[in-house]
Amino acid sequence: DDTLPCLDWLRGSGLRLAVITNAPGAYQRRKIAAVGLADTFDELVI
């Protein structure tokens, strides 16, 4: 529940956002898209 409000604040504050995750690339990209975050991050570091 706290994810989208926080991401909105970070974006509104002018911060560049990146993901750092231990995961397989295609699987994690699919997950990020499935929860509606595909266009949220400047960088995905997998």
All heavy atoms as atom14 arrays in JSON, in Angstrom:
{
  "sequence": "DDTLPCLDWLRGSGLRLAVITNAPGAYQRRKIAAVGLADTFDELVI",
  "atom14_mask": [
    [1, 1, 1, 1, 1, 1, 1, 1, 0, 0, 0, 0, 0, 0],
    [1, 1, 1, 1, 1, 1, 1, 1, 0, 0, 0, 0, 0, 0],
    [1, 1, 1, 1, 1, 1, 1, 0, 0, 0, 0, 0, 0, 0],
    [1, 1, 1, 1, 1, 1, 1, 1, 0, 0, 0, 0, 0, 0],
    [1, 1, 1, 1, 1, 1, 1, 0, 0, 0, 0, 0, 0, 0],
    [1, 1, 1, 1, 1, 1, 0, 0, 0, 0, 0, 0, 0, 0],
    [1, 1, 1, 1, 1, 1, 1, 1, 0, 0, 0, 0, 0, 0],
    [1, 1, 1, 1, 1, 1, 1, 1, 0, 0, 0, 0, 0, 0],
    [1, 1, 1, 1, 1, 1, 1, 1, 1, 1, 1, 1, 1, 1],
    [1, 1, 1, 1, 1, 1, 1, 1, 0, 0, 0, 0, 0, 0],
    [1, 1, 1, 1, 1, 1, 1, 1, 1, 1, 1, 0, 0, 0],
    [1, 1, 1, 1, 0, 0, 0, 0, 0, 0, 0, 0, 0, 0],
    [1, 1, 1, 1, 1, 1, 0, 0, 0, 0, 0, 0, 0, 0],
    [1, 1, 1, 1, 0, 0, 0, 0, 0, 0, 0, 0, 0, 0],
    [1, 1, 1, 1, 1, 1, 1, 1, 0, 0, 0, 0, 0, 0],
    [1, 1, 1, 1, 1, 1, 1, 1, 1, 1, 1, 0, 0, 0],
    [1, 1, 1, 1, 1, 1, 1, 1, 0, 0, 0, 0, 0, 0],
    [1, 1, 1, 1, 1, 0, 0, 0, 0, 0, 0, 0, 0, 0],
    [1, 1, 1, 1, 1, 1, 1, 0, 0, 0, 0, 0, 0, 0],
    [1, 1, 1, 1, 1, 1, 1, 1, 0, 0, 0, 0, 0, 0],
    [1, 1, 1, 1, 1, 1, 1, 0, 0, 0, 0, 0, 0, 0],
    [1, 1, 1, 1, 1, 1, 1, 1, 0, 0, 0, 0, 0, 0],
    [1, 1, 1, 1, 1, 0, 0, 0, 0, 0, 0, 0, 0, 0],
    [1, 1, 1, 1, 1, 1, 1, 0, 0, 0, 0, 0, 0, 0],
    [1, 1, 1, 1, 0, 0, 0, 0, 0, 0, 0, 0, 0, 0],
    [1, 1, 1, 1, 1, 0, 0, 0, 0, 0, 0, 0, 0, 0],
    [1, 1, 1, 1, 1, 1, 1, 1, 1, 1, 1, 1, 0, 0],
    [1, 1, 1, 1, 1, 1, 1, 1, 1, 0, 0, 0, 0, 0],
    [1, 1, 1, 1, 1, 1, 1, 1, 1, 1, 1, 0, 0, 0],
    [1, 1, 1, 1, 1, 1, 1, 1, 1, 1, 1, 0, 0, 0],
    [1, 1, 1, 1, 1, 1, 1, 1, 1, 0, 0, 0, 0, 0],
    [1, 1, 1, 1, 1, 1, 1, 1, 0, 0, 0, 0, 0, 0],
    [1, 1, 1, 1, 1, 0, 0, 0, 0, 0, 0, 0, 0, 0],
    [1, 1, 1, 1, 1, 0, 0, 0, 0, 0, 0, 0, 0, 0],
    [1, 1, 1, 1, 1, 1, 1, 0, 0, 0, 0, 0, 0, 0],
    [1, 1, 1, 1, 0, 0, 0, 0, 0, 0, 0, 0, 0, 0],
    [1, 1, 1, 1, 1, 1, 1, 1, 0, 0, 0, 0, 0, 0],
    [1, 1, 1, 1, 1, 0, 0, 0, 0, 0, 0, 0, 0, 0],
    [1, 1, 1, 1, 1, 1, 1, 1, 0, 0, 0, 0, 0, 0],
    [1, 1, 1, 1, 1, 1, 1, 0, 0, 0, 0, 0, 0, 0],
    [1, 1, 1, 1, 1, 1, 1, 1, 1, 1, 1, 0, 0, 0],
    [1, 1, 1, 1, 1, 1, 1, 1, 0, 0, 0, 0, 0, 0],
    [1, 1, 1, 1, 1, 1, 1, 1, 1, 0, 0, 0, 0, 0],
    [1, 1, 1, 1, 1, 1, 1, 1, 0, 0, 0, 0, 0, 0],
    [1, 1, 1, 1, 1, 1, 1, 0, 0, 0, 0, 0, 0, 0],
    [1, 1, 1, 1, 1, 1, 1, 1, 0, 0, 0, 0, 0, 0]
  ],
  "atom14_positions": [
    [[0.8, -1.22, 0.0], [0.0, 0.0, 0.0], [0.84, 1.27, 0.0], [0.38, 2.32, -0.46], [-0.93, 0.01, 1.22], [-2.03, -1.02, 1.14], [-2.29, -1.54, 0.03], [-2.63, -1.33, 2.2], [0.0, 0.0, 0.0], [0.0, 0.0, 0.0], [0.0, 0.0, 0.0], [0.0, 0.0, 0.0], [0.0, 0.0, 0.0], [0.0, 0.0, 0.0]],
    [[2.06, 1.18, 0.51], [2.89, 2.39, 0.58], [3.75, 2.6, -0.66], [4.44, 3.61, -0.77], [3.78, 2.36, 1.83], [4.63, 1.09, 1.93], [4.63, 0.27, 0.98], [5.3, 0.9, 2.98], [0.0, 0.0, 0.0], [0.0, 0.0, 0.0], [0.0, 0.0, 0.0], [0.0, 0.0, 0.0], [0.0, 0.0, 0.0], [0.0, 0.0, 0.0]],
    [[3.7, 1.67, -1.61], [4.61, 1.74, -2.76], [4.3, 2.91, -3.69], [5.16, 3.77, -3.95], [4.59, 0.43, -3.55], [5.1, -0.63, -2.74], [5.45, 0.54, -4.8], [0.0, 0.0, 0.0], [0.0, 0.0, 0.0], [0.0, 0.0, 0.0], [0.0, 0.0, 0.0], [0.0, 0.0, 0.0], [0.0, 0.0, 0.0], [0.0, 0.0, 0.0]],
    [[3.09, 2.99, -4.2], [2.77, 4.03, -5.17], [2.82, 5.43, -4.58], [3.38, 6.34, -5.21], [1.39, 3.78, -5.8], [1.34, 2.63, -6.81], [-0.09, 2.48, -7.35], [2.31, 2.87, -7.97], [0.0, 0.0, 0.0], [0.0, 0.0, 0.0], [0.0, 0.0, 0.0], [0.0, 0.0, 0.0], [0.0, 0.0, 0.0], [0.0, 0.0, 0.0]],
    [[2.28, 5.65, -3.36], [2.42, 7.0, -2.79], [3.88, 7.44, -2.64], [4.23, 8.59, -2.91], [1.74, 6.88, -1.42], [0.75, 5.78, -1.59], [1.43, 4.8, -2.51], [0.0, 0.0, 0.0], [0.0, 0.0, 0.0], [0.0, 0.0, 0.0], [0.0, 0.0, 0.0], [0.0, 0.0, 0.0], [0.0, 0.0, 0.0], [0.0, 0.0, 0.0]],
    [[4.74, 6.5, -2.23], [6.15, 6.87, -2.06], [6.82, 7.14, -3.4], [7.56, 8.11, -3.55], [6.88, 5.76, -1.3], [8.55, 6.23, -0.84], [0.0, 0.0, 0.0], [0.0, 0.0, 0.0], [0.0, 0.0, 0.0], [0.0, 0.0, 0.0], [0.0, 0.0, 0.0], [0.0, 0.0, 0.0], [0.0, 0.0, 0.0], [0.0, 0.0, 0.0]],
    [[6.56, 6.29, -4.38], [7.14, 6.5, -5.7], [6.66, 7.82, -6.31], [7.44, 8.54, -6.95], [6.81, 5.34, -6.63], [7.48, 4.0, -6.3], [6.95, 2.9, -7.21], [9.01, 4.1, -6.43], [0.0, 0.0, 0.0], [0.0, 0.0, 0.0], [0.0, 0.0, 0.0], [0.0, 0.0, 0.0], [0.0, 0.0, 0.0], [0.0, 0.0, 0.0]],
    [[5.4, 8.15, -6.09], [4.88, 9.43, -6.59], [5.62, 10.6, -5.94], [5.94, 11.6, -6.6], [3.39, 9.54, -6.3], [2.54, 8.65, -7.2], [3.07, 8.14, -8.2], [1.35, 8.45, -6.88], [0.0, 0.0, 0.0], [0.0, 0.0, 0.0], [0.0, 0.0, 0.0], [0.0, 0.0, 0.0], [0.0, 0.0, 0.0], [0.0, 0.0, 0.0]],
    [[5.88, 10.48, -4.63], [6.6, 11.55, -3.94], [8.02, 11.67, -4.47], [8.51, 12.77, -4.71], [6.62, 11.3, -2.44], [7.24, 12.43, -1.68], [6.61, 13.54, -1.2], [8.62, 12.58, -1.33], [7.51, 14.37, -0.57], [8.76, 13.81, -0.64], [9.75, 11.78, -1.54], [9.98, 14.25, -0.16], [10.98, 12.23, -1.06], [11.08, 13.45, -0.37]],
    [[8.68, 10.55, -4.63], [10.06, 10.57, -5.13], [10.12, 11.2, -6.52], [11.01, 12.01, -6.81], [10.62, 9.15, -5.16], [10.81, 8.47, -3.8], [11.16, 6.99, -3.98], [11.89, 9.17, -2.98], [0.0, 0.0, 0.0], [0.0, 0.0, 0.0], [0.0, 0.0, 0.0], [0.0, 0.0, 0.0], [0.0, 0.0, 0.0], [0.0, 0.0, 0.0]],
    [[9.19, 10.81, -7.39], [9.14, 11.39, -8.72], [8.85, 12.89, -8.65], [9.5, 13.69, -9.33], [8.06, 10.7, -9.56], [8.53, 9.46, -10.29], [9.52, 9.85, -11.34], [9.85, 8.74, -12.21], [10.94, 8.69, -12.95], [11.82, 9.68, -12.89], [11.19, 7.67, -13.72], [0.0, 0.0, 0.0], [0.0, 0.0, 0.0], [0.0, 0.0, 0.0]],
    [[7.88, 13.26, -7.82], [7.54, 14.67, -7.69], [8.66, 15.51, -7.12], [8.7, 16.72, -7.33], [0.0, 0.0, 0.0], [0.0, 0.0, 0.0], [0.0, 0.0, 0.0], [0.0, 0.0, 0.0], [0.0, 0.0, 0.0], [0.0, 0.0, 0.0], [0.0, 0.0, 0.0], [0.0, 0.0, 0.0], [0.0, 0.0, 0.0], [0.0, 0.0, 0.0]],
    [[9.58, 14.84, -6.41], [10.73, 15.54, -5.84], [11.89, 15.67, -6.81], [12.95, 16.17, -6.45], [11.18, 14.82, -4.56], [10.16, 14.84, -3.6], [0.0, 0.0, 0.0], [0.0, 0.0, 0.0], [0.0, 0.0, 0.0], [0.0, 0.0, 0.0], [0.0, 0.0, 0.0], [0.0, 0.0, 0.0], [0.0, 0.0, 0.0], [0.0, 0.0, 0.0]],
    [[11.71, 15.18, -8.02], [12.73, 15.33, -9.05], [13.85, 14.32, -9.0], [14.89, 14.51, -9.64], [0.0, 0.0, 0.0], [0.0, 0.0, 0.0], [0.0, 0.0, 0.0], [0.0, 0.0, 0.0], [0.0, 0.0, 0.0], [0.0, 0.0, 0.0], [0.0, 0.0, 0.0], [0.0, 0.0, 0.0], [0.0, 0.0, 0.0], [0.0, 0.0, 0.0]],
    [[13.67, 13.25, -8.24], [14.72, 12.23, -8.13], [14.66, 11.26, -9.31], [13.58, 10.87, -9.74], [14.55, 11.45, -6.82], [14.83, 12.21, -5.53], [14.3, 11.44, -4.33], [16.32, 12.45, -5.37], [0.0, 0.0, 0.0], [0.0, 0.0, 0.0], [0.0, 0.0, 0.0], [0.0, 0.0, 0.0], [0.0, 0.0, 0.0], [0.0, 0.0, 0.0]],
    [[15.82, 10.89, -9.79], [15.9, 9.81, -10.76], [15.8, 8.49, -9.99], [16.39, 8.34, -8.92], [17.23, 9.87, -11.54], [17.24, 11.02, -12.54], [18.59, 11.21, -13.19], [19.12, 10.01, -13.81], [18.74, 9.51, -14.99], [17.78, 10.12, -15.68], [19.29, 8.42, -15.49], [0.0, 0.0, 0.0], [0.0, 0.0, 0.0], [0.0, 0.0, 0.0]],
    [[15.08, 7.53, -10.56], [14.79, 6.29, -9.86], [15.36, 5.1, -10.6], [15.29, 5.03, -11.83], [13.28, 6.09, -9.71], [12.5, 7.18, -8.99], [11.02, 6.8, -8.91], [13.06, 7.44, -7.61], [0.0, 0.0, 0.0], [0.0, 0.0, 0.0], [0.0, 0.0, 0.0], [0.0, 0.0, 0.0], [0.0, 0.0, 0.0], [0.0, 0.0, 0.0]],
    [[15.91, 4.16, -9.82], [16.42, 2.92, -10.4], [16.01, 1.75, -9.51], [15.81, 1.9, -8.31], [17.95, 2.96, -10.52], [0.0, 0.0, 0.0], [0.0, 0.0, 0.0], [0.0, 0.0, 0.0], [0.0, 0.0, 0.0], [0.0, 0.0, 0.0], [0.0, 0.0, 0.0], [0.0, 0.0, 0.0], [0.0, 0.0, 0.0], [0.0, 0.0, 0.0]],
    [[15.88, 0.6, -10.13], [15.69, -0.66, -9.43], [17.04, -1.38, -9.37], [17.79, -1.37, -10.35], [14.66, -1.54, -10.18], [14.88, -3.02, -9.92], [13.25, -1.14, -9.79], [0.0, 0.0, 0.0], [0.0, 0.0, 0.0], [0.0, 0.0, 0.0], [0.0, 0.0, 0.0], [0.0, 0.0, 0.0], [0.0, 0.0, 0.0], [0.0, 0.0, 0.0]],
    [[17.36, -1.98, -8.23], [18.48, -2.91, -8.13], [17.91, -4.2, -7.55], [17.45, -4.23, -6.41], [19.61, -2.4, -7.22], [20.06, -0.99, -7.63], [20.8, -3.36, -7.26], [21.17, -0.42, -6.74], [0.0, 0.0, 0.0], [0.0, 0.0, 0.0], [0.0, 0.0, 0.0], [0.0, 0.0, 0.0], [0.0, 0.0, 0.0], [0.0, 0.0, 0.0]],
    [[17.95, -5.27, -8.35], [17.28, -6.5, -7.93], [18.08, -7.73, -8.34], [18.67, -7.76, -9.42], [15.86, -6.55, -8.53], [15.22, -7.78, -8.17], [15.88, -6.45, -10.05], [0.0, 0.0, 0.0], [0.0, 0.0, 0.0], [0.0, 0.0, 0.0], [0.0, 0.0, 0.0], [0.0, 0.0, 0.0], [0.0, 0.0, 0.0], [0.0, 0.0, 0.0]],
    [[18.09, -8.71, -7.45], [18.7, -10.01, -7.75], [17.62, -10.9, -8.36], [16.76, -11.41, -7.64], [19.23, -10.67, -6.48], [20.49, -10.02, -5.96], [21.04, -9.12, -6.6], [20.95, -10.45, -4.81], [0.0, 0.0, 0.0], [0.0, 0.0, 0.0], [0.0, 0.0, 0.0], [0.0, 0.0, 0.0], [0.0, 0.0, 0.0], [0.0, 0.0, 0.0]],
    [[17.66, -11.06, -9.67], [16.58, -11.78, -10.34], [16.96, -12.06, -11.79], [17.88, -11.45, -12.33], [15.29, -10.96, -10.29], [0.0, 0.0, 0.0], [0.0, 0.0, 0.0], [0.0, 0.0, 0.0], [0.0, 0.0, 0.0], [0.0, 0.0, 0.0], [0.0, 0.0, 0.0], [0.0, 0.0, 0.0], [0.0, 0.0, 0.0], [0.0, 0.0, 0.0]],
    [[16.23, -12.97, -12.43], [16.37, -13.13, -13.88], [15.73, -11.94, -14.59], [14.69, -11.43, -14.16], [15.61, -14.43, -14.17], [14.63, -14.56, -13.06], [15.29, -13.95, -11.85], [0.0, 0.0, 0.0], [0.0, 0.0, 0.0], [0.0, 0.0, 0.0], [0.0, 0.0, 0.0], [0.0, 0.0, 0.0], [0.0, 0.0, 0.0], [0.0, 0.0, 0.0]],
    [[16.35, -11.49, -15.66], [15.92, -10.27, -16.32], [14.5, -10.29, -16.84], [13.67, -9.42, -16.49], [0.0, 0.0, 0.0], [0.0, 0.0, 0.0], [0.0, 0.0, 0.0], [0.0, 0.0, 0.0], [0.0, 0.0, 0.0], [0.0, 0.0, 0.0], [0.0, 0.0, 0.0], [0.0, 0.0, 0.0], [0.0, 0.0, 0.0], [0.0, 0.0, 0.0]],
    [[14.17, -11.26, -17.69], [12.85, -11.28, -18.32], [11.75, -11.44, -17.28], [10.7, -10.79, -17.35], [12.78, -12.41, -19.35], [0.0, 0.0, 0.0], [0.0, 0.0, 0.0], [0.0, 0.0, 0.0], [0.0, 0.0, 0.0], [0.0, 0.0, 0.0], [0.0, 0.0, 0.0], [0.0, 0.0, 0.0], [0.0, 0.0, 0.0], [0.0, 0.0, 0.0]],
    [[11.99, -12.3, -16.3], [11.0, -12.55, -15.25], [10.75, -11.29, -14.44], [9.59, -10.91, -14.17], [11.52, -13.66, -14.35], [10.69, -13.95, -13.12], [9.53, -14.7, -13.21], [11.09, -13.49, -11.86], [8.77, -14.98, -12.08], [10.35, -13.77, -10.73], [9.19, -14.52, -10.85], [8.45, -14.79, -9.73], [0.0, 0.0, 0.0], [0.0, 0.0, 0.0]],
    [[11.8, -10.57, -14.05], [11.62, -9.39, -13.22], [11.0, -8.24, -14.01], [10.19, -7.49, -13.46], [12.95, -8.98, -12.59], [12.81, -8.18, -11.31], [12.3, -9.01, -10.14], [11.61, -10.0, -10.31], [12.64, -8.58, -8.94], [0.0, 0.0, 0.0], [0.0, 0.0, 0.0], [0.0, 0.0, 0.0], [0.0, 0.0, 0.0], [0.0, 0.0, 0.0]],
    [[11.36, -8.12, -15.26], [10.74, -7.08, -16.09], [9.25, -7.35, -16.27], [8.43, -6.42, -16.26], [11.44, -6.99, -17.44], [12.84, -6.4, -17.34], [13.59, -6.43, -18.66], [14.94, -5.93, -18.51], [15.28, -4.64, -18.57], [14.35, -3.73, -18.8], [16.54, -4.27, -18.4], [0.0, 0.0, 0.0], [0.0, 0.0, 0.0], [0.0, 0.0, 0.0]],
    [[8.89, -8.62, -16.41], [7.47, -8.98, -16.52], [6.73, -8.65, -15.23], [5.6, -8.15, -15.25], [7.34, -10.47, -16.85], [5.91, -10.92, -17.1], [5.86, -12.29, -17.76], [6.44, -13.34, -16.94], [7.58, -13.97, -17.17], [8.31, -13.64, -18.23], [7.99, -14.93, -16.38], [0.0, 0.0, 0.0], [0.0, 0.0, 0.0], [0.0, 0.0, 0.0]],
    [[7.35, -8.92, -14.09], [6.73, -8.61, -12.81], [6.53, -7.11, -12.64], [5.44, -6.65, -12.22], [7.59, -9.15, -11.66], [7.01, -8.91, -10.27], [8.01, -9.25, -9.19], [8.43, -10.71, -9.24], [9.46, -11.02, -8.21], [0.0, 0.0, 0.0], [0.0, 0.0, 0.0], [0.0, 0.0, 0.0], [0.0, 0.0, 0.0], [0.0, 0.0, 0.0]],
    [[7.55, -6.33, -12.95], [7.47, -4.88, -12.81], [6.35, -4.33, -13.7], [5.58, -3.44, -13.28], [8.83, -4.25, -13.14], [9.84, -4.58, -12.02], [8.71, -2.74, -13.33], [11.28, -4.27, -12.37], [0.0, 0.0, 0.0], [0.0, 0.0, 0.0], [0.0, 0.0, 0.0], [0.0, 0.0, 0.0], [0.0, 0.0, 0.0], [0.0, 0.0, 0.0]],
    [[6.22, -4.87, -14.91], [5.15, -4.42, -15.8], [3.78, -4.86, -15.27], [2.8, -4.11, -15.32], [5.37, -4.97, -17.2], [0.0, 0.0, 0.0], [0.0, 0.0, 0.0], [0.0, 0.0, 0.0], [0.0, 0.0, 0.0], [0.0, 0.0, 0.0], [0.0, 0.0, 0.0], [0.0, 0.0, 0.0], [0.0, 0.0, 0.0], [0.0, 0.0, 0.0]],
    [[3.7, -6.08, -14.72], [2.43, -6.62, -14.27], [1.83, -5.82, -13.12], [0.6, -5.74, -12.98], [2.6, -8.08, -13.85], [0.0, 0.0, 0.0], [0.0, 0.0, 0.0], [0.0, 0.0, 0.0], [0.0, 0.0, 0.0], [0.0, 0.0, 0.0], [0.0, 0.0, 0.0], [0.0, 0.0, 0.0], [0.0, 0.0, 0.0], [0.0, 0.0, 0.0]],
    [[2.68, -5.21, -12.29], [2.17, -4.42, -11.16], [2.07, -2.94, -11.51], [1.84, -2.1, -10.64], [3.04, -4.62, -9.9], [2.96, -6.07, -9.43], [4.49, -4.21, -10.14], [0.0, 0.0, 0.0], [0.0, 0.0, 0.0], [0.0, 0.0, 0.0], [0.0, 0.0, 0.0], [0.0, 0.0, 0.0], [0.0, 0.0, 0.0], [0.0, 0.0, 0.0]],
    [[2.24, -2.59, -12.79], [2.01, -1.24, -13.24], [3.16, -0.28, -13.1], [2.96, 0.94, -13.15], [0.0, 0.0, 0.0], [0.0, 0.0, 0.0], [0.0, 0.0, 0.0], [0.0, 0.0, 0.0], [0.0, 0.0, 0.0], [0.0, 0.0, 0.0], [0.0, 0.0, 0.0], [0.0, 0.0, 0.0], [0.0, 0.0, 0.0], [0.0, 0.0, 0.0]],
    [[4.39, -0.8, -12.98], [5.55, 0.07, -12.77], [6.48, 0.13, -13.98], [7.61, 0.61, -13.86], [6.34, -0.39, -11.54], [5.6, -0.38, -10.2], [6.55, -0.8, -9.08], [5.0, 0.98, -9.9], [0.0, 0.0, 0.0], [0.0, 0.0, 0.0], [0.0, 0.0, 0.0], [0.0, 0.0, 0.0], [0.0, 0.0, 0.0], [0.0, 0.0, 0.0]],
    [[6.01, -0.31, -15.13], [6.9, -0.4, -16.3], [7.51, 0.94, -16.68], [8.64, 1.0, -17.17], [6.14, -0.99, -17.48], [0.0, 0.0, 0.0], [0.0, 0.0, 0.0], [0.0, 0.0, 0.0], [0.0, 0.0, 0.0], [0.0, 0.0, 0.0], [0.0, 0.0, 0.0], [0.0, 0.0, 0.0], [0.0, 0.0, 0.0], [0.0, 0.0, 0.0]],
    [[6.79, 2.03, -16.48], [7.27, 3.36, -16.9], [7.74, 4.21, -15.72], [7.93, 5.42, -15.86], [6.15, 4.1, -17.65], [5.71, 3.36, -18.9], [6.58, 2.78, -19.58], [4.49, 3.36, -19.19], [0.0, 0.0, 0.0], [0.0, 0.0, 0.0], [0.0, 0.0, 0.0], [0.0, 0.0, 0.0], [0.0, 0.0, 0.0], [0.0, 0.0, 0.0]],
    [[7.96, 3.58, -14.59], [8.28, 4.33, -13.37], [9.76, 4.65, -13.23], [10.12, 5.73, -12.75], [7.81, 3.54, -12.13], [6.4, 3.35, -12.21], [8.18, 4.27, -10.85], [0.0, 0.0, 0.0], [0.0, 0.0, 0.0], [0.0, 0.0, 0.0], [0.0, 0.0, 0.0], [0.0, 0.0, 0.0], [0.0, 0.0, 0.0], [0.0, 0.0, 0.0]],
    [[10.61, 3.74, -13.68], [12.03, 3.84, -13.36], [12.86, 4.3, -14.55], [12.59, 3.95, -15.7], [12.54, 2.48, -12.86], [11.84, 2.02, -11.62], [10.79, 1.11, -11.69], [12.18, 2.53, -10.38], [10.11, 0.71, -10.56], [11.52, 2.14, -9.24], [10.47, 1.23, -9.32], [0.0, 0.0, 0.0], [0.0, 0.0, 0.0], [0.0, 0.0, 0.0]],
    [[13.9, 5.07, -14.21], [14.85, 5.49, -15.25], [15.77, 4.34, -15.64], [16.2, 4.25, -16.79], [15.69, 6.67, -14.74], [14.82, 7.87, -14.41], [14.27, 8.47, -15.35], [14.68, 8.19, -13.22], [0.0, 0.0, 0.0], [0.0, 0.0, 0.0], [0.0, 0.0, 0.0], [0.0, 0.0, 0.0], [0.0, 0.0, 0.0], [0.0, 0.0, 0.0]],
    [[16.08, 3.47, -14.67], [17.01, 2.37, -14.93], [16.53, 1.12, -14.19], [16.05, 1.22, -13.05], [18.43, 2.71, -14.45], [19.02, 3.96, -15.06], [19.34, 3.83, -16.55], [19.43, 2.69, -17.04], [19.49, 4.88, -17.2], [0.0, 0.0, 0.0], [0.0, 0.0, 0.0], [0.0, 0.0, 0.0], [0.0, 0.0, 0.0], [0.0, 0.0, 0.0]],
    [[16.69, -0.04, -14.83], [16.46, -1.33, -14.19], [17.8, -2.06, -14.18], [18.33, -2.41, -15.24], [15.42, -2.16, -14.95], [14.02, -1.56, -15.07], [13.12, -2.49, -15.88], [13.41, -1.28, -13.7], [0.0, 0.0, 0.0], [0.0, 0.0, 0.0], [0.0, 0.0, 0.0], [0.0, 0.0, 0.0], [0.0, 0.0, 0.0], [0.0, 0.0, 0.0]],
    [[18.34, -2.28, -13.0], [19.63, -2.94, -12.84], [19.36, -4.3, -12.22], [19.03, -4.42, -11.03], [20.58, -2.09, -11.96], [21.94, -2.76, -11.85], [20.71, -0.68, -12.56], [0.0, 0.0, 0.0], [0.0, 0.0, 0.0], [0.0, 0.0, 0.0], [0.0, 0.0, 0.0], [0.0, 0.0, 0.0], [0.0, 0.0, 0.0], [0.0, 0.0, 0.0]],
    [[19.49, -5.34, -13.05], [19.05, -6.69, -12.69], [20.26, -7.62, -12.71], [21.04, -7.62, -13.66], [17.97, -7.18, -13.66], [16.78, -6.19, -13.65], [17.49, -8.58, -13.29], [15.69, -6.5, -14.68], [0.0, 0.0, 0.0], [0.0, 0.0, 0.0], [0.0, 0.0, 0.0], [0.0, 0.0, 0.0], [0.0, 0.0, 0.0], [0.0, 0.0, 0.0]]
  ]
}
